[in-house]
Amino acid sequence: MFECKLEQAVLFKKVVAAVLDIVKEGNFDLSDEGIRVQTMDTTHVAPVQMELKESAFDEFRCDRESCVGINFEALTKLLKLCRDDDSLSLKKEEDCDTVTITSAG
């Protein structure tokens, strides 16, 4: 199982927005060290790497490394529904290919 929580969604929103400027889709590599994205830009010229370390989160749990595909355009639209000061939680069950995103204010 993977779970993480940020008390303020603004951090995750800004990171995802920055990645969206360069790539439209990629993978979240989930591990006990954090969330990592490694991909190429849409023109396949520049490598893109982003990492949110486990220590950046208010709560973090990763029982097993996994990878989940992310459409950053869709994720950005979803995150626009969250206020900057809302809490944001991500959860992925074992043997499941979806991430549940929960926001609370």
N, C-alpha and C. Protein backbone atom coordinates (compact mmCIF):
# COMPACT_ATOMS: atom_id res chain seq x y z
N MET A 1 0.84 -1.18 0.00
CA MET A 1 0.00 0.00 0.00
C MET A 1 0.88 1.24 0.00
N PHE A 2 0.41 2.26 -0.70
CA PHE A 2 1.07 3.56 -0.71
C PHE A 2 0.08 4.59 -0.21
N GLU A 3 0.52 5.44 0.71
CA GLU A 3 -0.30 6.55 1.20
C GLU A 3 0.61 7.72 1.51
N CYS A 4 0.17 8.91 1.16
CA CYS A 4 0.89 10.10 1.58
C CYS A 4 -0.11 11.24 1.77
N LYS A 5 0.31 12.21 2.59
CA LYS A 5 -0.58 13.33 2.88
C LYS A 5 0.24 14.60 3.03
N LEU A 6 -0.28 15.66 2.44
CA LEU A 6 0.26 17.00 2.61
C LEU A 6 -0.82 17.85 3.27
N GLU A 7 -0.45 18.58 4.31
CA GLU A 7 -1.43 19.44 4.98
C GLU A 7 -1.82 20.63 4.11
N GLN A 8 -0.94 21.02 3.18
CA GLN A 8 -1.25 22.10 2.25
C GLN A 8 -1.02 21.60 0.82
N ALA A 9 -2.08 21.59 0.06
CA ALA A 9 -2.04 21.05 -1.31
C ALA A 9 -1.18 21.89 -2.25
N VAL A 10 -0.89 23.13 -1.87
CA VAL A 10 -0.18 24.05 -2.76
C VAL A 10 1.17 23.49 -3.22
N LEU A 11 1.89 22.77 -2.39
CA LEU A 11 3.19 22.21 -2.78
C LEU A 11 3.03 21.25 -3.96
N PHE A 12 2.13 20.31 -3.82
CA PHE A 12 1.92 19.32 -4.88
C PHE A 12 1.38 19.98 -6.14
N LYS A 13 0.48 20.95 -5.99
CA LYS A 13 -0.08 21.65 -7.13
C LYS A 13 1.01 22.36 -7.94
N LYS A 14 1.93 23.01 -7.25
CA LYS A 14 3.00 23.73 -7.95
C LYS A 14 3.96 22.79 -8.66
N VAL A 15 4.29 21.68 -8.02
CA VAL A 15 5.20 20.71 -8.63
C VAL A 15 4.56 20.11 -9.88
N VAL A 16 3.31 19.72 -9.79
CA VAL A 16 2.62 19.13 -10.94
C VAL A 16 2.48 20.15 -12.07
N ALA A 17 2.18 21.41 -11.73
CA ALA A 17 2.07 22.45 -12.75
C ALA A 17 3.40 22.66 -13.47
N ALA A 18 4.50 22.61 -12.73
CA ALA A 18 5.83 22.77 -13.34
C ALA A 18 6.13 21.62 -14.30
N VAL A 19 5.79 20.41 -13.90
CA VAL A 19 6.02 19.25 -14.76
C VAL A 19 5.14 19.34 -16.01
N LEU A 20 3.90 19.80 -15.85
CA LEU A 20 2.97 19.89 -16.98
C LEU A 20 3.49 20.82 -18.07
N ASP A 21 4.27 21.83 -17.70
CA ASP A 21 4.83 22.73 -18.71
C ASP A 21 5.76 22.00 -19.67
N ILE A 22 6.28 20.84 -19.25
CA ILE A 22 7.28 20.14 -20.04
C ILE A 22 6.75 18.82 -20.61
N VAL A 23 5.97 18.09 -19.82
CA VAL A 23 5.47 16.78 -20.25
C VAL A 23 3.96 16.69 -20.02
N LYS A 24 3.31 15.86 -20.79
CA LYS A 24 1.86 15.66 -20.65
C LYS A 24 1.54 14.38 -19.90
N GLU A 25 2.40 13.38 -20.04
CA GLU A 25 2.19 12.09 -19.38
C GLU A 25 3.52 11.58 -18.84
N GLY A 26 3.43 10.76 -17.81
CA GLY A 26 4.63 10.16 -17.24
C GLY A 26 4.24 9.14 -16.20
N ASN A 27 5.21 8.67 -15.47
CA ASN A 27 4.97 7.69 -14.41
C ASN A 27 5.39 8.24 -13.07
N PHE A 28 4.59 7.96 -12.06
CA PHE A 28 4.99 8.18 -10.68
C PHE A 28 5.64 6.89 -10.20
N ASP A 29 6.92 6.95 -9.89
CA ASP A 29 7.60 5.82 -9.27
C ASP A 29 7.49 6.02 -7.77
N LEU A 30 6.79 5.12 -7.10
CA LEU A 30 6.52 5.24 -5.67
C LEU A 30 7.45 4.31 -4.91
N SER A 31 8.16 4.86 -3.93
CA SER A 31 9.05 4.05 -3.11
C SER A 31 9.08 4.63 -1.70
N ASP A 32 9.78 3.95 -0.80
CA ASP A 32 9.87 4.45 0.57
C ASP A 32 10.70 5.73 0.65
N GLU A 33 11.34 6.12 -0.44
CA GLU A 33 12.11 7.36 -0.48
C GLU A 33 11.28 8.55 -0.94
N GLY A 34 10.12 8.29 -1.58
CA GLY A 34 9.27 9.37 -2.04
C GLY A 34 8.63 9.06 -3.38
N ILE A 35 8.25 10.12 -4.08
CA ILE A 35 7.63 10.02 -5.41
C ILE A 35 8.62 10.60 -6.42
N ARG A 36 8.85 9.86 -7.48
CA ARG A 36 9.81 10.30 -8.50
C ARG A 36 9.17 10.18 -9.88
N VAL A 37 9.49 11.16 -10.72
CA VAL A 37 9.09 11.14 -12.12
C VAL A 37 10.36 11.25 -12.96
N GLN A 38 10.55 10.33 -13.87
CA GLN A 38 11.64 10.40 -14.84
C GLN A 38 11.04 10.12 -16.20
N THR A 39 11.16 11.09 -17.10
CA THR A 39 10.59 10.94 -18.43
C THR A 39 11.29 11.88 -19.39
N MET A 40 10.83 11.94 -20.61
CA MET A 40 11.35 12.87 -21.61
C MET A 40 10.28 13.90 -21.92
N ASP A 41 10.71 15.09 -22.33
CA ASP A 41 9.74 16.10 -22.73
C ASP A 41 9.00 15.63 -23.97
N THR A 42 7.97 16.37 -24.36
CA THR A 42 7.11 15.93 -25.46
C THR A 42 7.85 15.88 -26.80
N THR A 43 8.95 16.62 -26.94
CA THR A 43 9.72 16.59 -28.18
C THR A 43 10.85 15.56 -28.13
N HIS A 44 10.96 14.87 -27.01
CA HIS A 44 12.00 13.85 -26.80
C HIS A 44 13.41 14.41 -26.94
N VAL A 45 13.58 15.65 -26.47
CA VAL A 45 14.88 16.30 -26.51
C VAL A 45 15.51 16.38 -25.12
N ALA A 46 14.69 16.72 -24.14
CA ALA A 46 15.23 16.97 -22.79
C ALA A 46 14.68 15.96 -21.78
N PRO A 47 15.55 15.39 -20.97
CA PRO A 47 15.07 14.52 -19.88
C PRO A 47 14.45 15.37 -18.77
N VAL A 48 13.42 14.84 -18.16
CA VAL A 48 12.73 15.53 -17.07
C VAL A 48 12.79 14.63 -15.84
N GLN A 49 13.21 15.21 -14.73
CA GLN A 49 13.26 14.45 -13.48
C GLN A 49 12.69 15.32 -12.37
N MET A 50 11.81 14.74 -11.58
CA MET A 50 11.20 15.41 -10.45
C MET A 50 11.18 14.42 -9.30
N GLU A 51 11.47 14.90 -8.10
CA GLU A 51 11.42 14.02 -6.94
C GLU A 51 10.85 14.78 -5.75
N LEU A 52 9.86 14.17 -5.12
CA LEU A 52 9.34 14.66 -3.85
C LEU A 52 9.75 13.64 -2.79
N LYS A 53 10.66 14.05 -1.95
CA LYS A 53 11.17 13.12 -0.94
C LYS A 53 10.13 12.84 0.13
N GLU A 54 10.25 11.70 0.72
CA GLU A 54 9.34 11.26 1.79
C GLU A 54 9.23 12.32 2.88
N SER A 55 10.32 13.01 3.18
CA SER A 55 10.34 14.02 4.24
C SER A 55 9.52 15.27 3.90
N ALA A 56 9.15 15.46 2.63
CA ALA A 56 8.35 16.61 2.23
C ALA A 56 6.88 16.45 2.62
N PHE A 57 6.49 15.23 2.95
CA PHE A 57 5.09 14.93 3.27
C PHE A 57 4.87 14.94 4.78
N ASP A 58 3.66 15.28 5.17
CA ASP A 58 3.29 15.23 6.59
C ASP A 58 3.08 13.80 7.04
N GLU A 59 2.58 12.96 6.16
CA GLU A 59 2.44 11.53 6.41
C GLU A 59 2.89 10.80 5.15
N PHE A 60 3.58 9.69 5.33
CA PHE A 60 4.07 8.95 4.17
C PHE A 60 4.24 7.49 4.53
N ARG A 61 3.74 6.62 3.65
CA ARG A 61 3.88 5.17 3.83
C ARG A 61 3.96 4.52 2.46
N CYS A 62 4.96 3.69 2.28
CA CYS A 62 5.09 2.93 1.04
C CYS A 62 5.61 1.55 1.40
N ASP A 63 4.72 0.56 1.36
CA ASP A 63 5.08 -0.80 1.74
C ASP A 63 5.86 -1.52 0.64
N ARG A 64 5.62 -1.14 -0.61
CA ARG A 64 6.26 -1.82 -1.73
C ARG A 64 6.40 -0.85 -2.90
N GLU A 65 7.55 -0.86 -3.54
CA GLU A 65 7.75 0.00 -4.70
C GLU A 65 6.74 -0.35 -5.79
N SER A 66 6.25 0.70 -6.46
CA SER A 66 5.33 0.49 -7.57
C SER A 66 5.42 1.69 -8.51
N CYS A 67 4.74 1.56 -9.61
CA CYS A 67 4.75 2.60 -10.63
C CYS A 67 3.32 2.78 -11.13
N VAL A 68 2.93 4.02 -11.33
CA VAL A 68 1.58 4.29 -11.83
C VAL A 68 1.68 5.40 -12.89
N GLY A 69 0.99 5.19 -14.02
CA GLY A 69 0.97 6.17 -15.09
C GLY A 69 0.11 7.37 -14.73
N ILE A 70 0.60 8.56 -15.08
CA ILE A 70 -0.10 9.79 -14.75
C ILE A 70 -0.27 10.65 -15.99
N ASN A 71 -1.47 11.13 -16.21
CA ASN A 71 -1.73 12.15 -17.22
C ASN A 71 -1.71 13.48 -16.48
N PHE A 72 -0.66 14.26 -16.68
CA PHE A 72 -0.48 15.49 -15.91
C PHE A 72 -1.51 16.55 -16.25
N GLU A 73 -2.05 16.55 -17.46
CA GLU A 73 -3.12 17.49 -17.80
C GLU A 73 -4.36 17.20 -16.97
N ALA A 74 -4.75 15.93 -16.90
CA ALA A 74 -5.93 15.55 -16.12
C ALA A 74 -5.69 15.80 -14.63
N LEU A 75 -4.49 15.48 -14.15
CA LEU A 75 -4.17 15.69 -12.74
C LEU A 75 -4.21 17.17 -12.39
N THR A 76 -3.72 18.02 -13.27
CA THR A 76 -3.75 19.47 -13.03
C THR A 76 -5.18 19.97 -12.93
N LYS A 77 -6.06 19.50 -13.82
CA LYS A 77 -7.47 19.90 -13.76
C LYS A 77 -8.10 19.48 -12.44
N LEU A 78 -7.78 18.29 -12.00
CA LEU A 78 -8.30 17.79 -10.73
C LEU A 78 -7.78 18.63 -9.56
N LEU A 79 -6.50 18.95 -9.58
CA LEU A 79 -5.91 19.71 -8.48
C LEU A 79 -6.42 21.15 -8.42
N LYS A 80 -6.93 21.67 -9.53
CA LYS A 80 -7.50 23.03 -9.52
C LYS A 80 -8.75 23.09 -8.64
N LEU A 81 -9.35 21.95 -8.37
CA LEU A 81 -10.52 21.91 -7.50
C LEU A 81 -10.14 22.06 -6.03
N CYS A 82 -8.87 21.89 -5.72
CA CYS A 82 -8.38 21.99 -4.34
C CYS A 82 -7.92 23.42 -4.07
N ARG A 83 -8.25 23.92 -2.89
CA ARG A 83 -7.68 25.19 -2.46
C ARG A 83 -6.25 24.95 -2.00
N ASP A 84 -5.43 25.98 -2.07
CA ASP A 84 -4.02 25.84 -1.70
C ASP A 84 -3.83 25.36 -0.26
N ASP A 85 -4.73 25.77 0.63
CA ASP A 85 -4.58 25.40 2.04
C ASP A 85 -5.35 24.13 2.41
N ASP A 86 -5.97 23.47 1.43
CA ASP A 86 -6.60 22.17 1.69
C ASP A 86 -5.52 21.12 1.92
N SER A 87 -5.87 20.09 2.67
CA SER A 87 -4.96 18.94 2.75
C SER A 87 -5.19 18.07 1.52
N LEU A 88 -4.16 17.32 1.16
CA LEU A 88 -4.22 16.48 -0.03
C LEU A 88 -3.63 15.13 0.30
N SER A 89 -4.39 14.06 0.01
CA SER A 89 -3.93 12.70 0.27
C SER A 89 -3.94 11.90 -1.02
N LEU A 90 -2.94 11.06 -1.19
CA LEU A 90 -2.86 10.13 -2.31
C LEU A 90 -2.76 8.73 -1.72
N LYS A 91 -3.50 7.80 -2.33
CA LYS A 91 -3.51 6.43 -1.81
C LYS A 91 -3.57 5.46 -2.99
N LYS A 92 -2.74 4.42 -2.91
CA LYS A 92 -2.74 3.36 -3.92
C LYS A 92 -2.70 2.03 -3.20
N GLU A 93 -3.70 1.22 -3.43
CA GLU A 93 -3.76 -0.12 -2.83
C GLU A 93 -2.80 -1.05 -3.56
N GLU A 94 -2.38 -2.10 -2.89
CA GLU A 94 -1.54 -3.12 -3.52
C GLU A 94 -2.30 -3.74 -4.70
N ASP A 95 -1.59 -4.10 -5.73
CA ASP A 95 -2.16 -4.76 -6.91
C ASP A 95 -3.30 -3.97 -7.55
N CYS A 96 -3.20 -2.66 -7.47
CA CYS A 96 -4.20 -1.78 -8.07
C CYS A 96 -3.46 -0.74 -8.91
N ASP A 97 -4.01 -0.40 -10.06
CA ASP A 97 -3.35 0.55 -10.96
C ASP A 97 -3.89 1.96 -10.85
N THR A 98 -4.71 2.23 -9.86
CA THR A 98 -5.28 3.56 -9.71
C THR A 98 -4.83 4.20 -8.41
N VAL A 99 -4.78 5.52 -8.44
CA VAL A 99 -4.44 6.31 -7.25
C VAL A 99 -5.69 7.08 -6.86
N THR A 100 -6.05 7.02 -5.60
CA THR A 100 -7.17 7.79 -5.08
C THR A 100 -6.63 9.09 -4.50
N ILE A 101 -7.18 10.21 -4.95
CA ILE A 101 -6.75 11.52 -4.47
C ILE A 101 -7.90 12.13 -3.69
N THR A 102 -7.61 12.54 -2.46
CA THR A 102 -8.62 13.11 -1.59
C THR A 102 -8.15 14.47 -1.11
N SER A 103 -9.06 15.44 -1.16
CA SER A 103 -8.76 16.78 -0.67
C SER A 103 -9.77 17.14 0.40
N ALA A 104 -9.31 17.80 1.44
CA ALA A 104 -10.21 18.22 2.52
C ALA A 104 -9.79 19.59 3.00
N GLY A 105 -10.78 20.40 3.31
CA GLY A 105 -10.48 21.76 3.78
C GLY A 105 -11.11 21.96 5.05
